[in-house]
């Protein structure tokens, strides 16, 4: 199948493109390169032997999207493109709502007119809010604490409403937990612009001597070591989950929300220790005050993914750290 991958040069997108090519699909990437580089296209080609079709464009550019659909017989869309930093979303909410929601509305409108009504959407575990008990299950109440999370939850509702209005649509809403790691080749991984917003690339940069010290926000949570617990999932497992979700969407109409996680929680200090073991480098850290809006524990119930998609995560935390460190070294980040 020909699959349009929005945000396909980004961290999760690039790994999914690799899996699509290796599964025999033809990915077509659209990305505005706001937080990625087109150099990843060469790395994808080195890994797979094929260079994907690429369009540099913003999904809010309706004419550009219409051109892509006119030039390519797109069968389905995997939609990653969007701004994704929780803290930044609080500072510039209008930009987040405009980019994430307006962009998706334009994308869906162009898809509808092109007769392409199958989409796998990149949602987030942030939609479970502050008040649910772990593990998080898809039928729990949803709520959000920041504009980024609200864009994901609003888009889940919009896409669900779209399926109600037109039964020809097939939508899978993938609620990710915390993707980390890198492709085992060391060629593609997470390389955010500026100071990382996520824990894993921050740890890696402290280990590499790029940043001086990691701030661990809170050590008095109700967790085994007092630090926050999260469900870290290897980015390759996550990418493979998208292919399973794509197969499901092709075979089933309507909207379905599905968690992609490991069903296991790892604390901040456990992740630091695992990274030190994988890298052989001491990671300097200090305890800092809790951040507003952070919850103690967040990990997935993955029964639905196993049942509907036939998917479960295979990699452990040690693999994630080892592959992430190999990427840092190979790319001299």
Protein backbone atom coordinates (compact mmCIF):
# COMPACT_ATOMS: atom_id res chain seq x y z
CA UNK A 1 0.00 0.00 0.00
CA UNK A 2 0.95 3.63 -0.46
CA UNK A 3 0.98 5.23 2.99
CA UNK A 4 1.24 8.98 3.57
CA UNK A 5 3.30 9.54 6.72
CA UNK A 6 2.95 13.05 8.12
CA UNK A 7 5.93 14.03 10.27
CA UNK A 8 7.79 11.11 8.74
CA UNK A 9 11.31 12.49 9.28
CA UNK A 10 10.74 12.81 13.04
CA UNK A 11 11.72 10.38 15.79
CA UNK A 12 8.76 7.98 15.70
CA UNK A 13 7.88 8.76 12.09
CA UNK A 14 11.29 7.80 10.68
CA UNK A 15 11.30 4.47 12.52
CA UNK A 16 7.78 3.75 11.25
CA UNK A 17 8.86 4.55 7.68
CA UNK A 18 11.65 1.98 8.02
CA UNK A 19 9.16 -0.65 9.21
CA UNK A 20 6.74 0.24 6.39
CA UNK A 21 9.43 -0.20 3.73
CA UNK A 22 10.63 -3.47 5.24
CA UNK A 23 7.02 -4.72 5.22
CA UNK A 24 6.70 -3.97 1.50
CA UNK A 25 4.69 -0.74 1.71
CA UNK A 26 5.46 2.51 -0.13
CA UNK A 27 5.67 5.38 2.37
CA UNK A 28 5.30 8.96 1.20
CA UNK A 29 6.62 11.46 3.73
CA UNK A 30 5.34 14.99 4.27
CA UNK A 31 7.19 17.05 6.87
CA UNK A 32 7.94 20.74 7.38
CA UNK A 33 11.28 19.85 9.07
CA UNK A 34 10.53 22.13 12.03
CA UNK A 35 12.02 19.61 14.46
CA UNK A 36 13.83 17.18 12.17
CA UNK A 37 16.17 17.02 9.19
CA UNK A 38 15.86 15.66 5.67
CA UNK A 39 19.24 13.96 6.24
CA UNK A 40 17.26 11.16 7.86
CA UNK A 41 16.08 10.19 4.37
CA UNK A 42 19.61 9.03 3.54
CA UNK A 43 19.76 7.04 6.77
CA UNK A 44 16.44 5.37 5.94
CA UNK A 45 17.87 4.47 2.54
CA UNK A 46 21.02 3.02 4.14
CA UNK A 47 18.91 0.84 6.45
CA UNK A 48 16.30 -0.31 3.92
CA UNK A 49 17.92 0.14 0.51
CA UNK A 50 15.08 2.47 -0.52
CA UNK A 51 14.68 6.22 -0.27
CA UNK A 52 11.10 7.23 0.45
CA UNK A 53 9.25 9.86 -1.55
CA UNK A 54 9.50 13.13 0.37
CA UNK A 55 7.59 16.42 0.27
CA UNK A 56 8.71 19.37 2.36
CA UNK A 57 5.39 20.92 3.32
CA UNK A 58 3.25 21.90 6.30
CA UNK A 59 0.00 20.00 6.80
CA UNK A 60 -1.78 23.34 7.20
CA UNK A 61 -0.91 24.06 3.55
CA UNK A 62 -4.03 22.69 1.88
CA UNK A 63 -2.75 23.23 -1.67
CA UNK A 64 0.43 21.28 -0.88
CA UNK A 65 -1.56 18.36 0.54
CA UNK A 66 -3.92 18.36 -2.44
CA UNK A 67 -0.89 18.18 -4.73
CA UNK A 68 0.48 15.20 -2.81
CA UNK A 69 -2.81 13.31 -3.04
CA UNK A 70 -3.13 14.18 -6.73
CA UNK A 71 0.35 12.88 -7.50
CA UNK A 72 0.06 9.73 -5.36
CA UNK A 73 -2.70 7.14 -5.02
CA UNK A 74 -2.61 7.22 -1.22
CA UNK A 75 -4.31 4.23 0.44
CA UNK A 76 -4.01 5.33 4.08
CA UNK A 77 -2.40 7.94 6.34
CA UNK A 78 -0.28 7.58 9.47
CA UNK A 79 -0.46 10.98 11.14
CA UNK A 80 2.46 12.02 13.37
CA UNK A 81 2.86 15.70 12.44
CA UNK A 82 2.31 18.03 15.39
CA UNK A 83 3.91 20.10 18.10
CA UNK A 84 4.55 17.93 21.14
CA UNK A 85 6.22 19.68 24.11
CA UNK A 86 3.96 19.86 27.15
CA UNK A 87 5.72 22.82 28.79
CA UNK A 88 5.94 24.79 25.59
CA UNK A 89 2.25 24.23 24.92
CA UNK A 90 1.44 26.09 28.15
CA UNK A 91 3.55 29.04 26.97
CA UNK A 92 2.24 29.21 23.40
CA UNK A 93 -1.20 27.54 23.41
CA UNK A 94 -2.52 29.26 20.28
CA UNK A 95 0.36 27.85 18.22
CA UNK A 96 -0.37 24.35 19.54
CA UNK A 97 -4.10 24.51 18.87
CA UNK A 98 -3.57 26.00 15.42
CA UNK A 99 -0.82 23.61 14.36
CA UNK A 100 -2.22 20.38 15.77
CA UNK A 101 -5.95 20.86 15.33
CA UNK A 102 -6.14 23.06 12.23
CA UNK A 103 -3.50 20.92 10.52
CA UNK A 104 -5.44 17.72 11.19
CA UNK A 105 -8.73 19.25 10.06
CA UNK A 106 -7.15 20.28 6.76
CA UNK A 107 -5.55 16.85 6.37
CA UNK A 108 -8.86 15.06 6.93
CA UNK A 109 -10.68 17.37 4.52
CA UNK A 110 -8.13 16.66 1.79
CA UNK A 111 -8.29 12.92 2.57
CA UNK A 112 -12.09 12.94 2.33
CA UNK A 113 -12.07 14.68 -1.05
CA UNK A 114 -9.44 12.21 -2.32
CA UNK A 115 -11.52 9.23 -1.15
CA UNK A 116 -8.85 8.16 1.35
CA UNK A 117 -10.64 7.41 4.64
CA UNK A 118 -8.17 5.33 6.65
CA UNK A 119 -5.96 7.00 9.26
CA UNK A 120 -3.78 5.93 12.18
CA UNK A 121 -3.53 8.88 14.57
CA UNK A 122 -0.70 9.65 16.98
CA UNK A 123 -2.44 10.32 20.29
CA UNK A 124 -0.97 10.23 23.79
CA UNK A 125 -1.29 8.79 27.28
CA UNK A 126 -1.68 12.41 28.46
CA UNK A 127 -5.41 12.04 27.68
CA UNK A 128 -5.79 9.94 30.87
CA UNK A 129 -5.25 13.06 32.97
CA UNK A 130 -4.43 13.17 36.69
CA UNK A 131 -7.11 11.12 38.39
CA UNK A 132 -7.04 7.58 37.00
CA UNK A 133 -5.36 4.68 38.78
CA UNK A 134 -2.64 2.75 36.96
CA UNK A 135 -2.55 0.82 34.76
CA UNK A 136 -4.39 3.08 32.33
CA UNK A 137 -7.10 1.33 30.33
CA UNK A 138 -8.79 2.66 27.20
CA UNK A 139 -12.27 2.86 28.73
CA UNK A 140 -11.18 5.13 31.59
CA UNK A 141 -12.40 8.75 31.79
CA UNK A 142 -10.22 11.21 29.89
CA UNK A 143 -9.07 14.71 30.81
CA UNK A 144 -6.02 16.91 30.31
CA UNK A 145 -3.82 19.35 32.19
CA UNK A 146 -2.13 21.22 29.32
CA UNK A 147 -2.83 22.48 25.79
CA UNK A 148 -0.75 19.74 24.14
CA UNK A 149 -2.87 17.07 25.82
CA UNK A 150 -6.07 18.88 24.94
CA UNK A 151 -5.12 18.93 21.26
CA UNK A 152 -4.77 15.15 21.35
CA UNK A 153 -8.04 14.62 23.19
CA UNK A 154 -9.94 17.07 20.99
CA UNK A 155 -8.61 15.35 17.88
CA UNK A 156 -9.65 11.96 19.24
CA UNK A 157 -13.17 13.37 19.57
CA UNK A 158 -13.09 14.98 16.11
CA UNK A 159 -11.93 11.76 14.44
CA UNK A 160 -14.51 9.72 16.37
CA UNK A 161 -17.24 12.15 15.30
CA UNK A 162 -16.02 11.82 11.71
CA UNK A 163 -16.53 8.06 11.87
CA UNK A 164 -20.04 8.53 13.28
CA UNK A 165 -20.92 10.90 10.44
CA UNK A 166 -19.45 8.69 7.71
CA UNK A 167 -19.20 4.91 8.29
CA UNK A 168 -16.63 4.57 5.52
CA UNK A 169 -13.91 6.02 7.78
CA UNK A 170 -11.45 3.77 9.62
CA UNK A 171 -9.56 5.42 12.49
CA UNK A 172 -7.14 3.99 15.06
CA UNK A 173 -6.23 6.35 17.90
CA UNK A 174 -2.90 5.16 19.28
CA UNK A 175 -2.27 6.35 22.82
CA UNK A 176 1.51 6.17 23.26
CA UNK A 177 3.29 6.11 26.52
CA UNK A 178 7.02 7.12 26.57
CA UNK A 179 8.97 6.16 23.43
CA UNK A 180 12.76 6.02 23.82
CA UNK A 181 15.74 4.20 22.29
CA UNK A 182 16.82 4.12 18.66
CA UNK A 183 17.11 1.81 15.67
CA UNK A 184 19.66 -0.90 16.37
CA UNK A 185 21.72 0.28 13.36
CA UNK A 186 22.46 3.47 15.30
CA UNK A 187 21.53 5.51 12.22
CA UNK A 188 18.20 6.98 13.34
CA UNK A 189 17.07 8.02 16.81
CA UNK A 190 15.86 10.96 18.85
CA UNK A 191 17.75 14.19 18.23
CA UNK A 192 15.56 17.13 19.31
CA UNK A 193 16.51 20.70 18.52
CA UNK A 194 17.82 22.70 21.49
CA UNK A 195 17.41 21.53 25.09
CA UNK A 196 15.47 18.24 25.13
CA UNK A 197 11.98 18.28 26.63
CA UNK A 198 11.97 14.53 27.22
CA UNK A 199 13.89 12.63 29.90
CA UNK A 200 15.78 10.09 27.80
CA UNK A 201 17.57 12.44 25.38
CA UNK A 202 18.39 14.67 28.35
CA UNK A 203 20.01 11.75 30.18
CA UNK A 204 21.94 10.86 27.02
CA UNK A 205 23.25 14.41 26.66
CA UNK A 206 24.37 14.51 30.28
CA UNK A 207 26.18 11.19 29.76
CA UNK A 208 27.83 12.59 26.63
CA UNK A 209 28.98 15.73 28.47
CA UNK A 210 26.80 18.04 26.37
CA UNK A 211 24.65 19.03 29.36
CA UNK A 212 26.09 19.29 32.89
CA UNK A 213 23.42 17.72 35.07
CA UNK A 214 20.00 16.08 35.02
CA UNK A 215 17.28 17.55 37.23
CA UNK A 216 15.09 14.83 38.74
CA UNK A 217 11.79 16.55 39.50
CA UNK A 218 10.61 15.16 42.81
CA UNK A 219 11.78 12.24 44.95
CA UNK A 220 8.81 12.10 47.31
CA UNK A 221 6.18 10.47 45.13
CA UNK A 222 4.36 7.33 46.27
CA UNK A 223 6.63 5.08 44.18
CA UNK A 224 9.32 2.53 45.13
CA UNK A 225 12.16 5.09 45.09
CA UNK A 226 10.13 8.31 45.29
CA UNK A 227 10.73 9.35 41.67
CA UNK A 228 8.13 9.39 38.91
CA UNK A 229 7.30 6.10 37.20
CA UNK A 230 6.61 5.94 33.46
CA UNK A 231 6.02 3.31 30.81
CA UNK A 232 9.05 3.50 28.50
CA UNK A 233 8.58 1.76 25.15
CA UNK A 234 11.24 1.09 22.53
CA UNK A 235 10.61 3.24 19.47
CA UNK A 236 10.93 0.20 17.17
CA UNK A 237 8.23 -1.64 19.14
CA UNK A 238 6.10 1.49 18.80
CA UNK A 239 6.74 1.67 15.05
CA UNK A 240 5.76 -1.96 14.62
CA UNK A 241 2.58 -1.21 16.58
CA UNK A 242 1.67 1.33 13.89
CA UNK A 243 1.91 -1.32 11.19
CA UNK A 244 -0.39 -3.58 13.20
CA UNK A 245 -2.76 -0.65 13.69
CA UNK A 246 -2.69 0.04 9.96
CA UNK A 247 -3.66 -3.57 9.22
CA UNK A 248 -6.48 -3.29 11.74
CA UNK A 249 -7.74 -0.01 10.25
CA UNK A 250 -7.80 -1.48 6.76
CA UNK A 251 -9.89 -4.40 7.98
CA UNK A 252 -12.24 -2.54 10.36
CA UNK A 253 -14.42 0.56 10.06
CA UNK A 254 -15.05 3.05 12.86
CA UNK A 255 -12.80 4.56 15.53
CA UNK A 256 -10.80 2.59 18.10
CA UNK A 257 -8.52 3.90 20.86
CA UNK A 258 -5.62 1.58 21.69
CA UNK A 259 -2.73 1.90 24.15
CA UNK A 260 0.82 1.24 22.99
CA UNK A 261 3.05 0.64 26.01
CA UNK A 262 4.80 -2.18 27.83
CA UNK A 263 2.48 -2.49 30.87
CA UNK A 264 5.58 -1.99 33.04
CA UNK A 265 6.63 1.11 34.94
CA UNK A 266 10.23 2.33 35.31
CA UNK A 267 11.22 5.14 37.69
CA UNK A 268 13.46 8.05 36.74
CA UNK A 269 16.30 6.72 38.87
CA UNK A 270 15.86 3.20 37.49
CA UNK A 271 16.19 4.62 33.98
CA UNK A 272 19.31 6.56 35.00
CA UNK A 273 20.85 3.39 36.45
CA UNK A 274 20.00 1.37 33.33
CA UNK A 275 21.53 4.05 31.13
CA UNK A 276 24.70 4.11 33.22
CA UNK A 277 24.99 0.34 32.85
CA UNK A 278 24.45 0.47 29.08
CA UNK A 279 26.86 3.35 28.49
CA UNK A 280 29.46 2.77 31.18
CA UNK A 281 29.20 6.49 31.97
CA UNK A 282 28.10 8.12 35.21
CA UNK A 283 25.05 10.38 34.81
CA UNK A 284 25.17 13.42 37.09
CA UNK A 285 21.80 14.31 38.56
CA UNK A 286 20.27 16.44 41.28
CA UNK A 287 16.89 16.33 42.97
CA UNK A 288 14.66 19.29 42.10
CA UNK A 289 11.12 20.25 43.20
CA UNK A 290 8.16 18.51 41.62
CA UNK A 291 6.76 20.05 38.46
CA UNK A 292 3.11 21.11 38.45
CA UNK A 293 0.93 18.60 36.61
CA UNK A 294 3.29 15.62 36.95
CA UNK A 295 1.68 12.43 38.24
CA UNK A 296 3.42 9.77 40.30
CA UNK A 297 2.87 6.77 38.01
CA UNK A 298 1.80 6.27 34.42
CA UNK A 299 1.83 2.93 32.65
CA UNK A 300 -0.41 1.09 30.23
CA UNK A 301 -2.84 -1.75 30.29
CA UNK A 302 -1.93 -3.37 26.95
CA UNK A 303 -4.56 -6.12 26.81
CA UNK A 304 -6.50 -4.39 24.03
CA UNK A 305 -3.44 -4.05 21.77
CA UNK A 306 -2.63 -7.70 22.30
CA UNK A 307 -6.20 -8.76 21.54
CA UNK A 308 -7.08 -6.49 18.60
CA UNK A 309 -3.67 -5.96 17.00
CA UNK A 310 -1.80 -9.11 18.00
CA UNK A 311 0.95 -6.78 19.20
CA UNK A 312 3.08 -6.57 22.32
CA UNK A 313 6.36 -4.86 23.11
CA UNK A 314 9.46 -7.05 22.80
CA UNK A 315 12.36 -4.85 23.92
CA UNK A 316 13.36 -4.24 27.54
CA UNK A 317 14.70 -1.09 29.19
CA UNK A 318 18.30 -2.31 28.77
CA UNK A 319 17.82 -2.60 24.99
CA UNK A 320 16.32 0.90 24.86
CA UNK A 321 19.31 2.40 26.69
CA UNK A 322 21.90 0.45 24.70
CA UNK A 323 20.40 1.37 21.33
CA UNK A 324 19.92 5.01 22.34
CA UNK A 325 23.55 5.31 23.46
CA UNK A 326 24.78 3.63 20.25
CA UNK A 327 22.87 6.22 18.23
CA UNK A 328 24.42 9.07 20.23
CA UNK A 329 27.90 7.72 19.55
CA UNK A 330 27.38 6.83 15.90
CA UNK A 331 25.96 10.26 15.11
CA UNK A 332 28.47 12.11 17.36
CA UNK A 333 25.66 14.00 19.04
